[in-house]
Amino acid sequence: MAKKPTKPKQKAPEPEKKARVHKELEGFEIGVNPLGEITSNYSIEQINQFLGRHVRDKKIVHREGQFGEEAQAKTAAEEARLALEDAKNFPVADGPEEPEETDEDFMKRTSREAKRKKAAATDEDEAAETRRELPE
């Protein structure tokens, strides 16, 4: 004898659970509407103010002021000092300045290079060929 088909039991709908939130954000609700827009009962400014008070910014390592203003000023001064030291340690080679290539010259040179059919045998041969093509 065949068994009667049974319907799967339907679960009773669970009441919406409220997320645990900080005391200051009591009543805060956020959701996504059918158009995909994020909706909230708090303004972005209110959320940013709360986050500014309670969440440490990982990008600001040394937090001396409320938003790390003094620490940022110190790090900028330190970077400037290091750049000056690097400039002293690695001076620019003295010699004649090379004229900057114009866009027209660049296009001419690249189009000539693209038309080349044979590959240069060595780097020295390629350099010699390029020197021959340069205007004097």
N, C-alpha and C. Protein backbone atom coordinates (compact mmCIF):
# COMPACT_ATOMS: atom_id res chain seq x y z
N MET A 1 0.83 -1.17 0.00
CA MET A 1 0.00 0.00 0.00
C MET A 1 0.88 1.25 0.00
N ALA A 2 0.55 2.24 -0.80
CA ALA A 2 1.35 3.45 -0.97
C ALA A 2 1.12 4.42 0.18
N LYS A 3 2.21 5.10 0.53
CA LYS A 3 2.09 6.08 1.61
C LYS A 3 1.55 7.38 1.05
N LYS A 4 0.83 8.07 1.86
CA LYS A 4 0.30 9.36 1.46
C LYS A 4 1.44 10.39 1.44
N PRO A 5 1.47 11.23 0.39
CA PRO A 5 2.51 12.27 0.37
C PRO A 5 2.28 13.26 1.49
N THR A 6 3.38 13.63 2.12
CA THR A 6 3.28 14.60 3.21
C THR A 6 3.86 15.93 2.76
N LYS A 7 3.27 16.97 3.23
CA LYS A 7 3.76 18.31 2.92
C LYS A 7 4.85 18.67 3.93
N PRO A 8 5.90 19.35 3.46
CA PRO A 8 6.92 19.77 4.41
C PRO A 8 6.33 20.79 5.37
N LYS A 9 6.78 20.70 6.60
CA LYS A 9 6.26 21.62 7.62
C LYS A 9 6.80 23.02 7.35
N GLN A 10 5.92 23.97 7.42
CA GLN A 10 6.33 25.36 7.23
C GLN A 10 6.71 25.94 8.59
N LYS A 11 7.88 26.62 8.58
CA LYS A 11 8.34 27.23 9.81
C LYS A 11 7.56 28.53 10.02
N ALA A 12 7.28 28.80 11.24
CA ALA A 12 6.61 30.06 11.58
C ALA A 12 7.60 31.20 11.32
N PRO A 13 7.13 32.28 10.72
CA PRO A 13 8.05 33.39 10.46
C PRO A 13 8.62 33.94 11.77
N GLU A 14 9.96 34.09 11.78
CA GLU A 14 10.61 34.61 12.99
C GLU A 14 10.44 36.13 13.05
N PRO A 15 10.22 36.66 14.22
CA PRO A 15 10.13 38.12 14.33
C PRO A 15 11.52 38.70 14.01
N GLU A 16 11.51 39.91 13.44
CA GLU A 16 12.78 40.54 13.06
C GLU A 16 13.63 40.75 14.30
N LYS A 17 14.86 40.28 14.20
CA LYS A 17 15.78 40.45 15.31
C LYS A 17 16.46 41.81 15.18
N LYS A 18 16.59 42.49 16.27
CA LYS A 18 17.27 43.78 16.30
C LYS A 18 18.75 43.53 16.58
N ALA A 19 19.60 44.19 15.83
CA ALA A 19 21.03 44.06 16.04
C ALA A 19 21.44 44.80 17.30
N ARG A 20 22.47 44.30 17.94
CA ARG A 20 22.98 45.00 19.12
C ARG A 20 23.75 46.22 18.64
N VAL A 21 23.49 47.35 19.23
CA VAL A 21 24.17 48.58 18.84
C VAL A 21 24.66 49.32 20.07
N HIS A 22 25.54 50.27 19.85
CA HIS A 22 26.07 51.12 20.91
C HIS A 22 24.92 51.94 21.50
N LYS A 23 25.07 52.33 22.75
CA LYS A 23 24.00 53.09 23.42
C LYS A 23 23.64 54.36 22.65
N GLU A 24 24.64 55.03 22.08
CA GLU A 24 24.38 56.27 21.35
C GLU A 24 23.60 56.03 20.06
N LEU A 25 23.67 54.81 19.53
CA LEU A 25 22.99 54.51 18.28
C LEU A 25 21.70 53.73 18.50
N GLU A 26 21.15 53.84 19.66
CA GLU A 26 19.90 53.13 19.96
C GLU A 26 18.82 53.57 18.98
N GLY A 27 18.19 52.62 18.31
CA GLY A 27 17.15 52.92 17.33
C GLY A 27 17.69 53.07 15.92
N PHE A 28 18.98 52.85 15.74
CA PHE A 28 19.59 52.97 14.41
C PHE A 28 19.14 51.81 13.53
N GLU A 29 18.64 52.13 12.37
CA GLU A 29 18.22 51.10 11.41
C GLU A 29 18.80 51.45 10.04
N ILE A 30 19.22 50.42 9.33
CA ILE A 30 19.77 50.61 8.00
C ILE A 30 19.27 49.47 7.13
N GLY A 31 19.01 49.77 5.87
CA GLY A 31 18.51 48.74 4.96
C GLY A 31 18.76 49.12 3.51
N VAL A 32 18.39 48.20 2.64
CA VAL A 32 18.55 48.42 1.20
C VAL A 32 17.16 48.34 0.57
N ASN A 33 16.77 49.39 -0.16
CA ASN A 33 15.46 49.40 -0.78
C ASN A 33 15.48 48.59 -2.07
N PRO A 34 14.35 48.35 -2.71
CA PRO A 34 14.31 47.54 -3.94
C PRO A 34 15.16 48.10 -5.09
N LEU A 35 15.48 49.38 -5.05
CA LEU A 35 16.31 49.99 -6.10
C LEU A 35 17.80 49.83 -5.80
N GLY A 36 18.14 49.26 -4.66
CA GLY A 36 19.54 49.07 -4.30
C GLY A 36 20.13 50.24 -3.55
N GLU A 37 19.31 51.18 -3.14
CA GLU A 37 19.82 52.33 -2.40
C GLU A 37 19.84 52.00 -0.91
N ILE A 38 20.88 52.47 -0.24
CA ILE A 38 20.99 52.25 1.20
C ILE A 38 20.15 53.31 1.91
N THR A 39 19.25 52.86 2.76
CA THR A 39 18.41 53.79 3.51
C THR A 39 18.70 53.64 5.00
N SER A 40 18.64 54.75 5.70
CA SER A 40 18.94 54.75 7.12
C SER A 40 18.11 55.83 7.79
N ASN A 41 17.91 55.66 9.09
CA ASN A 41 17.19 56.68 9.82
C ASN A 41 18.15 57.69 10.47
N TYR A 42 19.45 57.53 10.27
CA TYR A 42 20.45 58.48 10.73
C TYR A 42 21.11 59.09 9.50
N SER A 43 21.47 60.36 9.58
CA SER A 43 22.15 60.99 8.44
C SER A 43 23.62 60.55 8.42
N ILE A 44 24.23 60.69 7.29
CA ILE A 44 25.63 60.31 7.15
C ILE A 44 26.50 61.14 8.09
N GLU A 45 26.16 62.41 8.28
CA GLU A 45 26.93 63.27 9.16
C GLU A 45 26.89 62.74 10.59
N GLN A 46 25.71 62.29 11.05
CA GLN A 46 25.60 61.74 12.40
C GLN A 46 26.44 60.47 12.54
N ILE A 47 26.42 59.62 11.53
CA ILE A 47 27.20 58.39 11.57
C ILE A 47 28.69 58.71 11.58
N ASN A 48 29.12 59.66 10.75
CA ASN A 48 30.53 60.04 10.70
C ASN A 48 31.00 60.65 12.02
N GLN A 49 30.16 61.45 12.65
CA GLN A 49 30.52 62.01 13.95
C GLN A 49 30.71 60.91 14.98
N PHE A 50 29.81 59.94 14.99
CA PHE A 50 29.93 58.82 15.93
C PHE A 50 31.22 58.04 15.66
N LEU A 51 31.48 57.74 14.39
CA LEU A 51 32.69 56.99 14.05
C LEU A 51 33.95 57.77 14.39
N GLY A 52 33.92 59.09 14.20
CA GLY A 52 35.06 59.92 14.55
C GLY A 52 35.37 59.88 16.04
N ARG A 53 34.34 59.77 16.87
CA ARG A 53 34.53 59.71 18.32
C ARG A 53 34.97 58.35 18.80
N HIS A 54 34.51 57.27 18.16
CA HIS A 54 34.70 55.94 18.74
C HIS A 54 35.58 54.98 17.95
N VAL A 55 35.92 55.29 16.72
CA VAL A 55 36.71 54.36 15.91
C VAL A 55 38.04 54.99 15.59
N ARG A 56 39.12 54.27 15.87
CA ARG A 56 40.47 54.76 15.60
C ARG A 56 40.80 54.54 14.13
N ASP A 57 41.33 55.56 13.50
CA ASP A 57 41.69 55.48 12.09
C ASP A 57 43.04 54.79 11.98
N LYS A 58 43.11 53.66 11.28
CA LYS A 58 44.34 52.89 11.17
C LYS A 58 45.40 53.61 10.34
N LYS A 59 44.99 54.55 9.49
CA LYS A 59 45.94 55.26 8.65
C LYS A 59 46.70 56.33 9.44
N ILE A 60 46.12 56.77 10.54
CA ILE A 60 46.78 57.78 11.37
C ILE A 60 47.46 57.01 12.50
N VAL A 61 48.77 56.83 12.39
CA VAL A 61 49.49 55.98 13.34
C VAL A 61 49.62 56.67 14.69
N HIS A 62 50.17 57.88 14.67
CA HIS A 62 50.35 58.61 15.92
C HIS A 62 49.24 59.65 16.03
N ARG A 63 48.32 59.43 16.92
CA ARG A 63 47.15 60.29 17.01
C ARG A 63 47.33 61.27 18.17
N GLU A 64 47.84 62.47 17.87
CA GLU A 64 48.04 63.45 18.92
C GLU A 64 46.86 64.39 19.04
N GLY A 65 46.34 64.87 17.92
CA GLY A 65 45.17 65.73 17.94
C GLY A 65 43.93 64.87 17.76
N GLN A 66 42.77 65.47 17.68
CA GLN A 66 41.55 64.70 17.48
C GLN A 66 41.61 63.93 16.17
N PHE A 67 42.17 64.56 15.13
CA PHE A 67 42.25 63.91 13.84
C PHE A 67 43.70 63.72 13.40
N GLY A 68 44.65 63.78 14.36
CA GLY A 68 46.05 63.52 14.05
C GLY A 68 46.76 64.65 13.34
N GLU A 69 46.28 65.91 13.54
CA GLU A 69 46.86 67.04 12.82
C GLU A 69 48.33 67.23 13.17
N GLU A 70 48.67 67.20 14.46
CA GLU A 70 50.05 67.45 14.86
C GLU A 70 50.96 66.33 14.37
N ALA A 71 50.49 65.10 14.45
CA ALA A 71 51.29 63.97 13.98
C ALA A 71 51.53 64.07 12.48
N GLN A 72 50.52 64.49 11.73
CA GLN A 72 50.68 64.63 10.29
C GLN A 72 51.70 65.71 9.96
N ALA A 73 51.68 66.82 10.71
CA ALA A 73 52.63 67.90 10.47
C ALA A 73 54.04 67.42 10.75
N LYS A 74 54.22 66.62 11.82
CA LYS A 74 55.55 66.11 12.15
C LYS A 74 56.04 65.16 11.07
N THR A 75 55.18 64.28 10.58
CA THR A 75 55.62 63.34 9.56
C THR A 75 55.96 64.06 8.26
N ALA A 76 55.25 65.12 7.92
CA ALA A 76 55.56 65.89 6.71
C ALA A 76 56.92 66.56 6.86
N ALA A 77 57.21 67.10 8.04
CA ALA A 77 58.50 67.73 8.28
C ALA A 77 59.61 66.68 8.21
N GLU A 78 59.38 65.51 8.76
CA GLU A 78 60.37 64.43 8.72
C GLU A 78 60.64 64.00 7.27
N GLU A 79 59.60 63.88 6.45
CA GLU A 79 59.76 63.50 5.05
C GLU A 79 60.57 64.55 4.30
N ALA A 80 60.34 65.83 4.59
CA ALA A 80 61.09 66.90 3.93
C ALA A 80 62.56 66.83 4.31
N ARG A 81 62.84 66.56 5.59
CA ARG A 81 64.22 66.45 6.05
C ARG A 81 64.93 65.28 5.36
N LEU A 82 64.24 64.13 5.24
CA LEU A 82 64.83 62.97 4.58
C LEU A 82 65.08 63.23 3.10
N ALA A 83 64.17 63.96 2.45
CA ALA A 83 64.36 64.28 1.03
C ALA A 83 65.58 65.17 0.83
N LEU A 84 65.81 66.12 1.74
CA LEU A 84 67.00 66.97 1.65
C LEU A 84 68.27 66.15 1.82
N GLU A 85 68.27 65.21 2.77
CA GLU A 85 69.43 64.35 2.96
C GLU A 85 69.70 63.52 1.71
N ASP A 86 68.65 62.98 1.11
CA ASP A 86 68.83 62.18 -0.11
C ASP A 86 69.41 63.04 -1.23
N ALA A 87 68.95 64.29 -1.35
CA ALA A 87 69.45 65.17 -2.40
C ALA A 87 70.94 65.46 -2.20
N LYS A 88 71.39 65.56 -0.95
CA LYS A 88 72.81 65.80 -0.68
C LYS A 88 73.62 64.56 -0.98
N ASN A 89 73.07 63.39 -0.68
CA ASN A 89 73.81 62.14 -0.89
C ASN A 89 73.89 61.72 -2.36
N PHE A 90 72.92 62.11 -3.15
CA PHE A 90 72.87 61.72 -4.55
C PHE A 90 72.72 62.96 -5.43
N PRO A 91 73.81 63.68 -5.66
CA PRO A 91 73.70 64.89 -6.47
C PRO A 91 73.45 64.53 -7.94
N VAL A 92 72.84 65.45 -8.65
CA VAL A 92 72.57 65.27 -10.07
C VAL A 92 73.88 65.42 -10.82
N ALA A 93 74.13 64.55 -11.78
CA ALA A 93 75.37 64.59 -12.54
C ALA A 93 75.43 65.89 -13.34
N ASP A 94 76.61 66.53 -13.28
CA ASP A 94 76.78 67.76 -14.05
C ASP A 94 77.01 67.41 -15.51
N GLY A 95 76.45 68.17 -16.38
CA GLY A 95 76.63 67.94 -17.80
C GLY A 95 75.60 68.73 -18.56
N PRO A 96 75.70 68.68 -19.89
CA PRO A 96 74.74 69.45 -20.69
C PRO A 96 73.34 68.86 -20.56
N GLU A 97 72.38 69.75 -20.47
CA GLU A 97 70.99 69.30 -20.38
C GLU A 97 70.53 68.81 -21.74
N GLU A 98 69.79 67.72 -21.73
CA GLU A 98 69.25 67.20 -22.97
C GLU A 98 67.95 67.93 -23.29
N PRO A 99 67.78 68.32 -24.55
CA PRO A 99 66.52 69.00 -24.89
C PRO A 99 65.36 68.01 -24.80
N GLU A 100 64.22 68.51 -24.36
CA GLU A 100 63.06 67.63 -24.23
C GLU A 100 62.48 67.35 -25.62
N GLU A 101 62.09 66.10 -25.80
CA GLU A 101 61.56 65.67 -27.08
C GLU A 101 60.13 66.17 -27.25
N THR A 102 59.80 66.71 -28.41
CA THR A 102 58.43 67.17 -28.66
C THR A 102 57.56 65.99 -29.04
N ASP A 103 56.26 66.20 -29.01
CA ASP A 103 55.33 65.14 -29.38
C ASP A 103 55.52 64.71 -30.83
N GLU A 104 55.80 65.68 -31.72
CA GLU A 104 56.00 65.35 -33.14
C GLU A 104 57.23 64.47 -33.32
N ASP A 105 58.33 64.84 -32.63
CA ASP A 105 59.55 64.04 -32.74
C ASP A 105 59.32 62.63 -32.20
N PHE A 106 58.58 62.54 -31.11
CA PHE A 106 58.30 61.24 -30.53
C PHE A 106 57.52 60.37 -31.50
N MET A 107 56.50 60.94 -32.13
CA MET A 107 55.69 60.18 -33.07
C MET A 107 56.51 59.75 -34.28
N LYS A 108 57.38 60.63 -34.78
CA LYS A 108 58.22 60.28 -35.92
C LYS A 108 59.15 59.12 -35.56
N ARG A 109 59.78 59.23 -34.39
CA ARG A 109 60.72 58.20 -33.97
C ARG A 109 60.03 56.86 -33.77
N THR A 110 58.89 56.86 -33.12
CA THR A 110 58.20 55.60 -32.85
C THR A 110 57.67 54.99 -34.13
N SER A 111 57.24 55.81 -35.08
CA SER A 111 56.75 55.24 -36.34
C SER A 111 57.91 54.63 -37.13
N ARG A 112 59.12 55.26 -37.08
CA ARG A 112 60.29 54.68 -37.76
C ARG A 112 60.67 53.35 -37.11
N GLU A 113 60.61 53.30 -35.78
CA GLU A 113 60.96 52.07 -35.08
C GLU A 113 59.97 50.96 -35.40
N ALA A 114 58.71 51.31 -35.55
CA ALA A 114 57.70 50.30 -35.84
C ALA A 114 57.87 49.75 -37.25
N LYS A 115 58.39 50.57 -38.18
CA LYS A 115 58.56 50.13 -39.57
C LYS A 115 59.77 49.23 -39.76
N ARG A 116 60.68 49.21 -38.79
CA ARG A 116 61.88 48.38 -38.91
C ARG A 116 61.49 46.92 -39.09
N LYS A 117 62.16 46.26 -40.01
CA LYS A 117 61.84 44.86 -40.27
C LYS A 117 62.85 43.94 -39.62
N LYS A 118 64.11 44.39 -39.51
CA LYS A 118 65.12 43.53 -38.92
C LYS A 118 65.38 43.99 -37.49
N ALA A 119 65.72 43.02 -36.66
CA ALA A 119 66.06 43.34 -35.28
C ALA A 119 67.55 43.58 -35.19
N ALA A 120 67.95 44.51 -34.38
CA ALA A 120 69.38 44.80 -34.22
C ALA A 120 70.03 43.62 -33.52
N ALA A 121 71.27 43.33 -33.92
CA ALA A 121 71.96 42.16 -33.38
C ALA A 121 72.31 42.35 -31.91
N THR A 122 72.78 43.53 -31.54
CA THR A 122 73.16 43.79 -30.15
C THR A 122 72.64 45.16 -29.75
N ASP A 123 72.78 45.42 -28.47
CA ASP A 123 72.37 46.73 -27.96
C ASP A 123 73.23 47.84 -28.56
N GLU A 124 74.52 47.55 -28.78
CA GLU A 124 75.42 48.56 -29.34
C GLU A 124 75.01 48.90 -30.78
N ASP A 125 74.63 47.87 -31.55
CA ASP A 125 74.19 48.12 -32.92
C ASP A 125 72.91 48.97 -32.94
N GLU A 126 72.00 48.66 -32.02
CA GLU A 126 70.74 49.41 -31.95
C GLU A 126 71.02 50.86 -31.57
N ALA A 127 71.95 51.08 -30.61
CA ALA A 127 72.28 52.44 -30.19
C ALA A 127 72.90 53.21 -31.34
N ALA A 128 73.79 52.57 -32.11
CA ALA A 128 74.42 53.23 -33.24
C ALA A 128 73.39 53.60 -34.30
N GLU A 129 72.43 52.72 -34.55
CA GLU A 129 71.38 53.00 -35.54
C GLU A 129 70.51 54.17 -35.08
N THR A 130 70.18 54.22 -33.81
CA THR A 130 69.37 55.31 -33.28
C THR A 130 70.12 56.63 -33.40
N ARG A 131 71.44 56.63 -33.13
CA ARG A 131 72.24 57.85 -33.24
C ARG A 131 72.24 58.36 -34.70
N ARG A 132 72.30 57.45 -35.66
CA ARG A 132 72.29 57.85 -37.07
C ARG A 132 70.97 58.51 -37.44
N GLU A 133 69.88 58.05 -36.83
CA GLU A 133 68.56 58.60 -37.17
C GLU A 133 68.29 59.94 -36.52
N LEU A 134 68.99 60.25 -35.44
CA LEU A 134 68.74 61.50 -34.74
C LEU A 134 69.20 62.69 -35.57
N PRO A 135 68.43 63.79 -35.54
CA PRO A 135 68.87 65.00 -36.25
C PRO A 135 70.04 65.63 -35.51
N GLU A 136 70.93 66.27 -36.24
CA GLU A 136 72.10 66.85 -35.61
C GLU A 136 71.96 68.29 -35.35
